[in-house]
Amino acid sequence: GQNEYDLLVIGGGSGGLACAKEAAQFGRKVAVLDYVEPSPQGTTWGLGGTCVNVGCIPKKLMHQAALLGTALKDAQHYGWNIAQPVHHTWSVMAQGVQNYVKSLNWGHRVQLQDKKVKYFNMKGSFSDPHTVHGLTKAGKETVVTADNIVIATGGRPRYPTHIAGALEHGITSDDLFWLKESPGKTLPSFILDVSLECAGFLTGIGLDTTVMMRSIPLRGFDQAQMASLVTEHMESYGTKFLKRCFPTKVEKLESNRLQVTWKNTDLGREETDSFDTVMWAVGK
C-alpha cells in the first residue's frame, strides 16, 4: 500500500526540473517522467523542455549568428580587412547549436542523478490519483506510484488545420531549430513574438524572409511604442511583411517548393508566391 515515490513530476522542462530538484533537496524521494512526442514533421529532442531545446537557447544562439554577420559587414568601416560579401553556412551553425543543446540535455540528466532523482524517459498516463503508467518509445510499460504528482507538461505549437496543406507541408519553431539544412526562402505566418524572433535571425543570416500578418503586429503589445517600432526596424533590415493577409492553402510543387495562396483583404483578391519553407506561429 506504500507508494514508491514521495513526488512524481510529469514533464522535464524548466518548471518540472526545478520542482523535482527542489523537492529532492528536502530529502524527498523524487522521480521525473519526461517524453517528447515527435512533431508532425518527426522532430524530437532531449531532456530540458521547450526553452533548452526549441526555444530560448537555440533562438539566442541563432540571433548571435545573425548579429555576428552584421558586425562583419560593419567591420570594414572600422579598419578590418574582411572580404565582401560575407556568406553564411546554415549546416555549420545548426550543428554547433544542436551540439550545445545536446550538452545541456546531458547536463540535466547528470543533475538529476546527482540529486538522486530518478529519470524515466516515458510518456505517462494516469491510472488513478497516485498511479501513472509510463510507456517507452519501444513500447515497454512501467508503473510508477507516488504520494504527490505534479503535471508540468508545458505546451506545443498549434497548426492552423483549417488551412489546406498546413499540416502536411508546414513546420513550426519545434522543427526550425533542428533543421540540418537551410530553410531557404521562408514564410513565417501569423505575427506573434515567435514569428518575429525567427524572422529576425533568418533575415540576419541572409535568407529571404517574409512575415504574413492578418491584422496588427504583436497583438496585446503596445502598438505605438513597441509593435510598430519593431516591425519598422525589421523592415529597414530587409524583412518583408505581407500586411492584412491570411493564408488559405499550401501546395507542394514538382520542384518541391511550396506554393502559398493567401487573401489580401486590403485589395480584396487572392495572391500566391512560392517558398522553400512555411513556418506556422499561431500560438500554443
C-alpha atoms as a PDB file:
ATOM      1  CA  GLY A   1       0.000   0.000   0.000  1.00  0.00           C
ATOM      2  CA  GLN A   2       3.004   2.335   0.200  1.00  0.00           C
ATOM      3  CA  ASN A   3       3.798   4.468  -2.830  1.00  0.00           C
ATOM      4  CA  GLU A   4       7.230   4.202  -4.385  1.00  0.00           C
ATOM      5  CA  TYR A   5       7.939   7.955  -4.511  1.00  0.00           C
ATOM      6  CA  ASP A   6       7.058  10.971  -2.426  1.00  0.00           C
ATOM      7  CA  LEU A   7       6.796  13.098  -5.585  1.00  0.00           C
ATOM      8  CA  LEU A   8       6.479  12.308  -9.282  1.00  0.00           C
ATOM      9  CA  VAL A   9       6.875  15.148 -11.772  1.00  0.00           C
ATOM     10  CA  ILE A  10       5.437  14.632 -15.241  1.00  0.00           C
ATOM     11  CA  GLY A  11       7.392  16.865 -17.606  1.00  0.00           C
ATOM     12  CA  GLY A  12      11.117  17.563 -17.758  1.00  0.00           C
ATOM     13  CA  GLY A  13      11.091  21.231 -18.726  1.00  0.00           C
ATOM     14  CA  SER A  14      12.171  24.273 -16.729  1.00  0.00           C
ATOM     15  CA  GLY A  15       9.282  24.066 -14.254  1.00  0.00           C
ATOM     16  CA  GLY A  16       9.309  20.303 -13.826  1.00  0.00           C
ATOM     17  CA  LEU A  17      13.062  20.024 -13.308  1.00  0.00           C
ATOM     18  CA  ALA A  18      13.140  22.918 -10.831  1.00  0.00           C
ATOM     19  CA  CYS A  19      10.276  21.350  -8.870  1.00  0.00           C
ATOM     20  CA  ALA A  20      11.925  17.913  -8.789  1.00  0.00           C
ATOM     21  CA  LYS A  21      15.363  19.167  -7.749  1.00  0.00           C
ATOM     22  CA  GLU A  22      13.965  21.432  -5.043  1.00  0.00           C
ATOM     23  CA  ALA A  23      11.908  18.590  -3.551  1.00  0.00           C
ATOM     24  CA  ALA A  24      14.933  16.269  -3.634  1.00  0.00           C
ATOM     25  CA  GLN A  25      16.967  18.813  -1.648  1.00  0.00           C
ATOM     26  CA  PHE A  26      14.404  18.470   1.149  1.00  0.00           C
ATOM     27  CA  GLY A  27      15.169  14.769   1.304  1.00  0.00           C
ATOM     28  CA  ARG A  28      12.129  13.552  -0.591  1.00  0.00           C
ATOM     29  CA  LYS A  29      12.210  10.556  -2.926  1.00  0.00           C
ATOM     30  CA  VAL A  30      11.526  12.069  -6.352  1.00  0.00           C
ATOM     31  CA  ALA A  31      11.112  10.890  -9.942  1.00  0.00           C
ATOM     32  CA  VAL A  32      10.732  12.756 -13.227  1.00  0.00           C
ATOM     33  CA  LEU A  33       8.867  11.310 -16.182  1.00  0.00           C
ATOM     34  CA  ASP A  34       9.563  13.069 -19.497  1.00  0.00           C
ATOM     35  CA  TYR A  35       8.761  12.217 -23.112  1.00  0.00           C
ATOM     36  CA  VAL A  36       8.869  14.240 -26.332  1.00  0.00           C
ATOM     37  CA  GLU A  37       6.052  13.480 -28.740  1.00  0.00           C
ATOM     38  CA  PRO A  38       7.520  13.869 -32.271  1.00  0.00           C
ATOM     39  CA  SER A  39       6.279  16.905 -34.195  1.00  0.00           C
ATOM     40  CA  PRO A  40       4.149  16.239 -37.295  1.00  0.00           C
ATOM     41  CA  GLN A  41       7.428  16.518 -39.237  1.00  0.00           C
ATOM     42  CA  GLY A  42       9.123  13.946 -36.957  1.00  0.00           C
ATOM     43  CA  THR A  43      11.350  16.261 -34.903  1.00  0.00           C
ATOM     44  CA  THR A  44      12.283  15.151 -31.383  1.00  0.00           C
ATOM     45  CA  TRP A  45      14.774  16.286 -28.747  1.00  0.00           C
ATOM     46  CA  GLY A  46      16.090  15.521 -25.281  1.00  0.00           C
ATOM     47  CA  LEU A  47      15.503  16.404 -21.625  1.00  0.00           C
ATOM     48  CA  GLY A  48      15.084  20.071 -20.730  1.00  0.00           C
ATOM     49  CA  GLY A  49      11.799  21.232 -22.242  1.00  0.00           C
ATOM     50  CA  THR A  50      10.991  23.994 -24.704  1.00  0.00           C
ATOM     51  CA  CYS A  51      13.480  26.620 -23.512  1.00  0.00           C
ATOM     52  CA  VAL A  52      16.518  24.375 -23.794  1.00  0.00           C
ATOM     53  CA  ASN A  53      15.607  22.510 -26.969  1.00  0.00           C
ATOM     54  CA  VAL A  54      13.245  24.544 -29.157  1.00  0.00           C
ATOM     55  CA  GLY A  55      13.037  27.948 -27.522  1.00  0.00           C
ATOM     56  CA  CYS A  56      15.236  30.478 -25.773  1.00  0.00           C
ATOM     57  CA  ILE A  57      18.588  28.713 -26.045  1.00  0.00           C
ATOM     58  CA  PRO A  58      18.777  27.810 -29.772  1.00  0.00           C
ATOM     59  CA  LYS A  59      16.951  31.029 -30.638  1.00  0.00           C
ATOM     60  CA  LYS A  60      19.504  33.223 -28.845  1.00  0.00           C
ATOM     61  CA  LEU A  61      22.396  31.321 -30.425  1.00  0.00           C
ATOM     62  CA  MET A  62      20.920  31.842 -33.901  1.00  0.00           C
ATOM     63  CA  HIS A  63      20.370  35.523 -33.131  1.00  0.00           C
ATOM     64  CA  GLN A  64      24.041  35.675 -32.160  1.00  0.00           C
ATOM     65  CA  ALA A  65      24.907  34.219 -35.566  1.00  0.00           C
ATOM     66  CA  ALA A  66      22.866  36.992 -37.203  1.00  0.00           C
ATOM     67  CA  LEU A  67      24.499  39.695 -35.067  1.00  0.00           C
ATOM     68  CA  LEU A  68      27.967  38.416 -35.982  1.00  0.00           C
ATOM     69  CA  GLY A  69      27.042  38.699 -39.655  1.00  0.00           C
ATOM     70  CA  THR A  70      26.030  42.333 -39.160  1.00  0.00           C
ATOM     71  CA  ALA A  71      29.250  43.030 -37.257  1.00  0.00           C
ATOM     72  CA  LEU A  72      31.325  41.537 -40.094  1.00  0.00           C
ATOM     73  CA  LYS A  73      29.637  43.835 -42.604  1.00  0.00           C
ATOM     74  CA  ASP A  74      30.291  46.851 -40.389  1.00  0.00           C
ATOM     75  CA  ALA A  75      33.863  45.834 -39.552  1.00  0.00           C
ATOM     76  CA  GLN A  76      35.351  47.184 -42.811  1.00  0.00           C
ATOM     77  CA  HIS A  77      34.291  50.695 -41.787  1.00  0.00           C
ATOM     78  CA  TYR A  78      36.405  50.302 -38.654  1.00  0.00           C
ATOM     79  CA  GLY A  79      39.542  49.230 -40.474  1.00  0.00           C
ATOM     80  CA  TRP A  80      39.090  45.465 -40.566  1.00  0.00           C
ATOM     81  CA  ASN A  81      40.067  43.878 -43.866  1.00  0.00           C
ATOM     82  CA  ILE A  82      37.252  41.366 -44.402  1.00  0.00           C
ATOM     83  CA  ALA A  83      36.415  40.116 -47.869  1.00  0.00           C
ATOM     84  CA  GLN A  84      32.937  41.075 -49.022  1.00  0.00           C
ATOM     85  CA  PRO A  85      30.343  39.764 -49.417  1.00  0.00           C
ATOM     86  CA  VAL A  86      30.330  37.507 -46.365  1.00  0.00           C
ATOM     87  CA  HIS A  87      28.485  34.184 -46.604  1.00  0.00           C
ATOM     88  CA  HIS A  88      26.710  32.102 -44.004  1.00  0.00           C
ATOM     89  CA  THR A  89      26.510  28.279 -43.914  1.00  0.00           C
ATOM     90  CA  TRP A  90      23.375  27.090 -42.126  1.00  0.00           C
ATOM     91  CA  SER A  91      24.555  23.499 -41.626  1.00  0.00           C
ATOM     92  CA  VAL A  92      27.664  24.602 -39.694  1.00  0.00           C
ATOM     93  CA  MET A  93      25.629  26.891 -37.434  1.00  0.00           C
ATOM     94  CA  ALA A  94      22.932  24.241 -36.917  1.00  0.00           C
ATOM     95  CA  GLN A  95      25.474  21.589 -35.962  1.00  0.00           C
ATOM     96  CA  GLY A  96      27.063  23.891 -33.395  1.00  0.00           C
ATOM     97  CA  VAL A  97      23.724  24.930 -31.908  1.00  0.00           C
ATOM     98  CA  GLN A  98      22.404  21.363 -31.783  1.00  0.00           C
ATOM     99  CA  ASN A  99      25.608  20.044 -30.191  1.00  0.00           C
ATOM    100  CA  TYR A 100      25.357  22.700 -27.492  1.00  0.00           C
ATOM    101  CA  VAL A 101      21.705  21.846 -26.823  1.00  0.00           C
ATOM    102  CA  LYS A 102      22.599  18.147 -26.543  1.00  0.00           C
ATOM    103  CA  SER A 103      25.256  19.035 -23.971  1.00  0.00           C
ATOM    104  CA  LEU A 104      22.532  20.772 -21.922  1.00  0.00           C
ATOM    105  CA  ASN A 105      20.318  17.670 -22.237  1.00  0.00           C
ATOM    106  CA  TRP A 106      23.143  15.595 -20.788  1.00  0.00           C
ATOM    107  CA  GLY A 107      23.780  18.177 -18.069  1.00  0.00           C
ATOM    108  CA  HIS A 108      20.174  17.972 -16.900  1.00  0.00           C
ATOM    109  CA  ARG A 109      20.392  14.175 -16.688  1.00  0.00           C
ATOM    110  CA  VAL A 110      23.589  14.437 -14.626  1.00  0.00           C
ATOM    111  CA  GLN A 111      21.999  16.997 -12.279  1.00  0.00           C
ATOM    112  CA  LEU A 112      19.036  14.682 -11.652  1.00  0.00           C
ATOM    113  CA  GLN A 113      21.389  11.791 -10.973  1.00  0.00           C
ATOM    114  CA  ASP A 114      23.491  13.889  -8.578  1.00  0.00           C
ATOM    115  CA  LYS A 115      20.372  14.825  -6.615  1.00  0.00           C
ATOM    116  CA  LYS A 116      19.178  11.191  -6.651  1.00  0.00           C
ATOM    117  CA  VAL A 117      16.114  11.998  -8.761  1.00  0.00           C
ATOM    118  CA  LYS A 118      15.002   9.015 -10.863  1.00  0.00           C
ATOM    119  CA  TYR A 119      14.538   9.866 -14.552  1.00  0.00           C
ATOM    120  CA  PHE A 120      12.067   7.972 -16.733  1.00  0.00           C
ATOM    121  CA  ASN A 121      12.131   8.700 -20.482  1.00  0.00           C
ATOM    122  CA  MET A 122       8.489   7.666 -20.872  1.00  0.00           C
ATOM    123  CA  LYS A 123       5.079   9.011 -21.807  1.00  0.00           C
ATOM    124  CA  GLY A 124       2.779   8.904 -18.804  1.00  0.00           C
ATOM    125  CA  SER A 125      -0.949   8.399 -18.301  1.00  0.00           C
ATOM    126  CA  PHE A 126      -2.919   8.264 -15.054  1.00  0.00           C
ATOM    127  CA  SER A 127      -4.447   5.039 -13.767  1.00  0.00           C
ATOM    128  CA  ASP A 128      -5.611   6.617 -10.500  1.00  0.00           C
ATOM    129  CA  PRO A 129      -4.654   9.696  -8.441  1.00  0.00           C
ATOM    130  CA  HIS A 130      -1.412   8.054  -7.285  1.00  0.00           C
ATOM    131  CA  THR A 131      -0.524   5.737 -10.176  1.00  0.00           C
ATOM    132  CA  VAL A 132       0.984   6.582 -13.582  1.00  0.00           C
ATOM    133  CA  HIS A 133       1.604   4.166 -16.433  1.00  0.00           C
ATOM    134  CA  GLY A 134       4.800   5.011 -18.317  1.00  0.00           C
ATOM    135  CA  LEU A 135       5.327   3.875 -21.899  1.00  0.00           C
ATOM    136  CA  THR A 136       8.717   3.997 -23.656  1.00  0.00           C
ATOM    137  CA  LYS A 137       9.246   4.655 -27.359  1.00  0.00           C
ATOM    138  CA  ALA A 138       9.893   0.906 -27.755  1.00  0.00           C
ATOM    139  CA  GLY A 139       6.572   0.047 -26.103  1.00  0.00           C
ATOM    140  CA  LYS A 140       7.865  -1.058 -22.693  1.00  0.00           C
ATOM    141  CA  GLU A 141       5.496  -0.284 -19.809  1.00  0.00           C
ATOM    142  CA  THR A 142       6.404   0.766 -16.276  1.00  0.00           C
ATOM    143  CA  VAL A 143       4.043   1.565 -13.396  1.00  0.00           C
ATOM    144  CA  VAL A 144       5.085   4.404 -11.075  1.00  0.00           C
ATOM    145  CA  THR A 145       3.272   5.299  -7.844  1.00  0.00           C
ATOM    146  CA  ALA A 146       3.693   8.499  -5.834  1.00  0.00           C
ATOM    147  CA  ASP A 147       2.069  10.308  -2.906  1.00  0.00           C
ATOM    148  CA  ASN A 148       2.032  13.534  -4.910  1.00  0.00           C
ATOM    149  CA  ILE A 149       2.105  14.060  -8.675  1.00  0.00           C
ATOM    150  CA  VAL A 150       2.890  17.363 -10.392  1.00  0.00           C
ATOM    151  CA  ILE A 151       1.883  17.940 -14.026  1.00  0.00           C
ATOM    152  CA  ALA A 152       4.433  20.204 -15.743  1.00  0.00           C
ATOM    153  CA  THR A 153       3.995  19.284 -19.397  1.00  0.00           C
ATOM    154  CA  GLY A 154       4.060  22.791 -20.902  1.00  0.00           C
ATOM    155  CA  GLY A 155       2.701  23.412 -24.392  1.00  0.00           C
ATOM    156  CA  ARG A 156       3.478  22.745 -28.042  1.00  0.00           C
ATOM    157  CA  PRO A 157       2.869  24.902 -31.132  1.00  0.00           C
ATOM    158  CA  ARG A 158      -0.520  24.506 -32.796  1.00  0.00           C
ATOM    159  CA  TYR A 159      -1.136  24.038 -36.518  1.00  0.00           C
ATOM    160  CA  PRO A 160      -3.821  26.042 -38.378  1.00  0.00           C
ATOM    161  CA  THR A 161      -5.526  22.857 -39.578  1.00  0.00           C
ATOM    162  CA  HIS A 162      -8.304  24.861 -41.272  1.00  0.00           C
ATOM    163  CA  ILE A 163      -5.727  25.844 -43.930  1.00  0.00           C
ATOM    164  CA  ALA A 164      -5.403  23.205 -46.658  1.00  0.00           C
ATOM    165  CA  GLY A 165      -1.913  21.691 -46.687  1.00  0.00           C
ATOM    166  CA  ALA A 166      -0.809  23.382 -43.440  1.00  0.00           C
ATOM    167  CA  LEU A 167      -0.129  20.176 -41.533  1.00  0.00           C
ATOM    168  CA  GLU A 168       1.371  18.279 -44.473  1.00  0.00           C
ATOM    169  CA  HIS A 169       3.753  20.954 -45.703  1.00  0.00           C
ATOM    170  CA  GLY A 170       4.375  23.420 -42.865  1.00  0.00           C
ATOM    171  CA  ILE A 171       6.740  23.379 -39.905  1.00  0.00           C
ATOM    172  CA  THR A 172       6.755  25.155 -36.532  1.00  0.00           C
ATOM    173  CA  SER A 173       9.523  26.510 -34.318  1.00  0.00           C
ATOM    174  CA  ASP A 174       9.786  22.949 -32.935  1.00  0.00           C
ATOM    175  CA  ASP A 175      11.300  21.965 -36.290  1.00  0.00           C
ATOM    176  CA  LEU A 176      13.148  25.131 -37.335  1.00  0.00           C
ATOM    177  CA  PHE A 177      15.857  24.868 -34.677  1.00  0.00           C
ATOM    178  CA  TRP A 178      16.636  21.253 -35.635  1.00  0.00           C
ATOM    179  CA  LEU A 179      16.845  21.665 -39.422  1.00  0.00           C
ATOM    180  CA  LYS A 180      20.143  20.343 -40.735  1.00  0.00           C
ATOM    181  CA  GLU A 181      19.898  22.314 -43.990  1.00  0.00           C
ATOM    182  CA  SER A 182      18.943  25.920 -44.633  1.00  0.00           C
ATOM    183  CA  PRO A 183      15.198  26.674 -44.737  1.00  0.00           C
ATOM    184  CA  GLY A 184      15.853  28.934 -47.731  1.00  0.00           C
ATOM    185  CA  LYS A 185      13.160  31.422 -48.684  1.00  0.00           C
ATOM    186  CA  THR A 186      10.911  31.315 -45.644  1.00  0.00           C
ATOM    187  CA  LEU A 187       7.389  32.471 -44.785  1.00  0.00           C
ATOM    188  CA  PRO A 188       6.748  32.732 -41.025  1.00  0.00           C
ATOM    189  CA  SER A 189       2.969  33.112 -40.934  1.00  0.00           C
ATOM    190  CA  PHE A 190       0.903  34.867 -38.239  1.00  0.00           C
ATOM    191  CA  ILE A 191       2.652  37.659 -36.431  1.00  0.00           C
ATOM    192  CA  LEU A 192       3.296  36.570 -32.858  1.00  0.00           C
ATOM    193  CA  ASP A 193       6.561  37.115 -31.000  1.00  0.00           C
ATOM    194  CA  VAL A 194       7.936  33.732 -32.111  1.00  0.00           C
ATOM    195  CA  SER A 195       7.276  34.625 -35.744  1.00  0.00           C
ATOM    196  CA  LEU A 196       9.151  37.918 -35.463  1.00  0.00           C
ATOM    197  CA  GLU A 197      12.024  36.413 -33.480  1.00  0.00           C
ATOM    198  CA  CYS A 198      12.596  33.717 -36.088  1.00  0.00           C
ATOM    199  CA  ALA A 199      12.154  36.149 -38.981  1.00  0.00           C
ATOM    200  CA  GLY A 200      14.742  38.435 -37.369  1.00  0.00           C
ATOM    201  CA  PHE A 201      17.578  35.913 -37.284  1.00  0.00           C
ATOM    202  CA  LEU A 202      16.609  34.366 -40.646  1.00  0.00           C
ATOM    203  CA  THR A 203      16.922  37.801 -42.258  1.00  0.00           C
ATOM    204  CA  GLY A 204      20.105  38.446 -40.302  1.00  0.00           C
ATOM    205  CA  ILE A 205      21.870  35.400 -41.748  1.00  0.00           C
ATOM    206  CA  GLY A 206      20.894  36.456 -45.262  1.00  0.00           C
ATOM    207  CA  LEU A 207      17.744  34.451 -46.014  1.00  0.00           C
ATOM    208  CA  ASP A 208      14.794  35.822 -47.991  1.00  0.00           C
ATOM    209  CA  THR A 209      12.178  36.136 -45.234  1.00  0.00           C
ATOM    210  CA  THR A 210       8.559  37.317 -45.439  1.00  0.00           C
ATOM    211  CA  VAL A 211       6.185  37.585 -42.482  1.00  0.00           C
ATOM    212  CA  MET A 212       2.448  37.309 -43.136  1.00  0.00           C
ATOM    213  CA  MET A 213       0.193  39.209 -40.735  1.00  0.00           C
ATOM    214  CA  ARG A 214      -3.595  39.078 -40.730  1.00  0.00           C
ATOM    215  CA  SER A 215      -4.196  42.286 -38.796  1.00  0.00           C
ATOM    216  CA  ILE A 216      -1.833  44.111 -36.414  1.00  0.00           C
ATOM    217  CA  PRO A 217       1.646  43.022 -35.311  1.00  0.00           C
ATOM    218  CA  LEU A 218       2.156  41.651 -31.796  1.00  0.00           C
ATOM    219  CA  ARG A 219      -1.474  41.829 -30.706  1.00  0.00           C
ATOM    220  CA  GLY A 220      -1.665  42.611 -26.995  1.00  0.00           C
ATOM    221  CA  PHE A 221       1.552  44.655 -27.026  1.00  0.00           C
ATOM    222  CA  ASP A 222       1.701  48.440 -27.099  1.00  0.00           C
ATOM    223  CA  GLN A 223       1.282  49.335 -30.771  1.00  0.00           C
ATOM    224  CA  ALA A 224       2.599  52.913 -30.830  1.00  0.00           C
ATOM    225  CA  GLN A 225       5.700  52.470 -28.678  1.00  0.00           C
ATOM    226  CA  MET A 226       6.604  48.837 -29.297  1.00  0.00           C
ATOM    227  CA  ALA A 227       4.987  46.778 -32.043  1.00  0.00           C
ATOM    228  CA  SER A 228       5.265  49.304 -34.865  1.00  0.00           C
ATOM    229  CA  LEU A 229       8.848  50.185 -33.906  1.00  0.00           C
ATOM    230  CA  VAL A 230       9.825  46.504 -34.028  1.00  0.00           C
ATOM    231  CA  THR A 231       8.286  45.885 -37.456  1.00  0.00           C
ATOM    232  CA  GLU A 232       9.672  49.136 -38.895  1.00  0.00           C
ATOM    233  CA  HIS A 233      13.144  48.238 -37.630  1.00  0.00           C
ATOM    234  CA  MET A 234      12.879  44.759 -39.136  1.00  0.00           C
ATOM    235  CA  GLU A 235      11.735  46.181 -42.485  1.00  0.00           C
ATOM    236  CA  SER A 236      14.754  48.506 -42.528  1.00  0.00           C
ATOM    237  CA  TYR A 237      16.987  45.414 -42.242  1.00  0.00           C
ATOM    238  CA  GLY A 238      15.269  43.538 -45.052  1.00  0.00           C
ATOM    239  CA  THR A 239      12.423  41.504 -43.549  1.00  0.00           C
ATOM    240  CA  LYS A 240       9.352  41.742 -45.782  1.00  0.00           C
ATOM    241  CA  PHE A 241       5.789  41.915 -44.480  1.00  0.00           C
ATOM    242  CA  LEU A 242       2.540  40.889 -46.125  1.00  0.00           C
ATOM    243  CA  LYS A 243       0.097  43.061 -44.194  1.00  0.00           C
ATOM    244  CA  ARG A 244      -3.606  42.305 -43.749  1.00  0.00           C
ATOM    245  CA  CYS A 245      -3.203  38.967 -45.495  1.00  0.00           C
ATOM    246  CA  PHE A 246      -4.135  35.458 -44.380  1.00  0.00           C
ATOM    247  CA  PRO A 247      -3.156  32.133 -45.997  1.00  0.00           C
ATOM    248  CA  THR A 248      -5.830  29.838 -47.435  1.00  0.00           C
ATOM    249  CA  LYS A 249      -3.820  26.886 -48.761  1.00  0.00           C
ATOM    250  CA  VAL A 250      -0.323  25.444 -49.195  1.00  0.00           C
ATOM    251  CA  GLU A 251       0.540  23.189 -52.139  1.00  0.00           C
ATOM    252  CA  LYS A 252       3.753  21.317 -52.942  1.00  0.00           C
ATOM    253  CA  LEU A 253       5.079  21.950 -56.436  1.00  0.00           C
ATOM    254  CA  GLU A 254       7.029  19.484 -58.594  1.00  0.00           C
ATOM    255  CA  SER A 255      10.151  21.481 -57.735  1.00  0.00           C
ATOM    256  CA  ASN A 256       9.468  20.660 -54.034  1.00  0.00           C
ATOM    257  CA  ARG A 257       8.856  24.328 -53.329  1.00  0.00           C
ATOM    258  CA  LEU A 258       5.679  25.321 -51.501  1.00  0.00           C
ATOM    259  CA  GLN A 259       3.129  27.489 -53.249  1.00  0.00           C
ATOM    260  CA  VAL A 260       1.153  29.551 -50.752  1.00  0.00           C
ATOM    261  CA  THR A 261      -2.163  31.132 -51.628  1.00  0.00           C
ATOM    262  CA  TRP A 262      -3.465  33.958 -49.459  1.00  0.00           C
ATOM    263  CA  LYS A 263      -6.238  36.528 -49.342  1.00  0.00           C
ATOM    264  CA  ASN A 264      -5.197  40.177 -49.429  1.00  0.00           C
ATOM    265  CA  THR A 265      -8.003  41.880 -47.518  1.00  0.00           C
ATOM    266  CA  ASP A 266      -6.959  45.404 -48.500  1.00  0.00           C
ATOM    267  CA  LEU A 267      -7.079  44.605 -52.231  1.00  0.00           C
ATOM    268  CA  GLY A 268      -9.872  42.032 -51.949  1.00  0.00           C
ATOM    269  CA  ARG A 269      -8.076  39.434 -54.067  1.00  0.00           C
ATOM    270  CA  GLU A 270      -6.131  36.197 -53.887  1.00  0.00           C
ATOM    271  CA  GLU A 271      -2.348  36.217 -54.318  1.00  0.00           C
ATOM    272  CA  THR A 272       0.308  33.495 -54.498  1.00  0.00           C
ATOM    273  CA  ASP A 273       4.050  33.053 -54.149  1.00  0.00           C
ATOM    274  CA  SER A 274       6.379  30.097 -53.670  1.00  0.00           C
ATOM    275  CA  PHE A 275       8.663  29.458 -50.698  1.00  0.00           C
ATOM    276  CA  ASP A 276      11.133  26.809 -49.575  1.00  0.00           C
ATOM    277  CA  THR A 277       9.743  26.728 -46.025  1.00  0.00           C
ATOM    278  CA  VAL A 278       6.461  27.751 -44.420  1.00  0.00           C
ATOM    279  CA  MET A 279       6.554  28.128 -40.644  1.00  0.00           C
ATOM    280  CA  TRP A 280       3.383  28.438 -38.565  1.00  0.00           C
ATOM    281  CA  ALA A 281       3.435  30.604 -35.449  1.00  0.00           C
ATOM    282  CA  VAL A 282      -0.163  30.584 -34.277  1.00  0.00           C
ATOM    283  CA  GLY A 283       0.488  30.070 -30.564  1.00  0.00           C
ATOM    284  CA  LYS A 284       0.431  27.079 -28.217  1.00  0.00           C
END
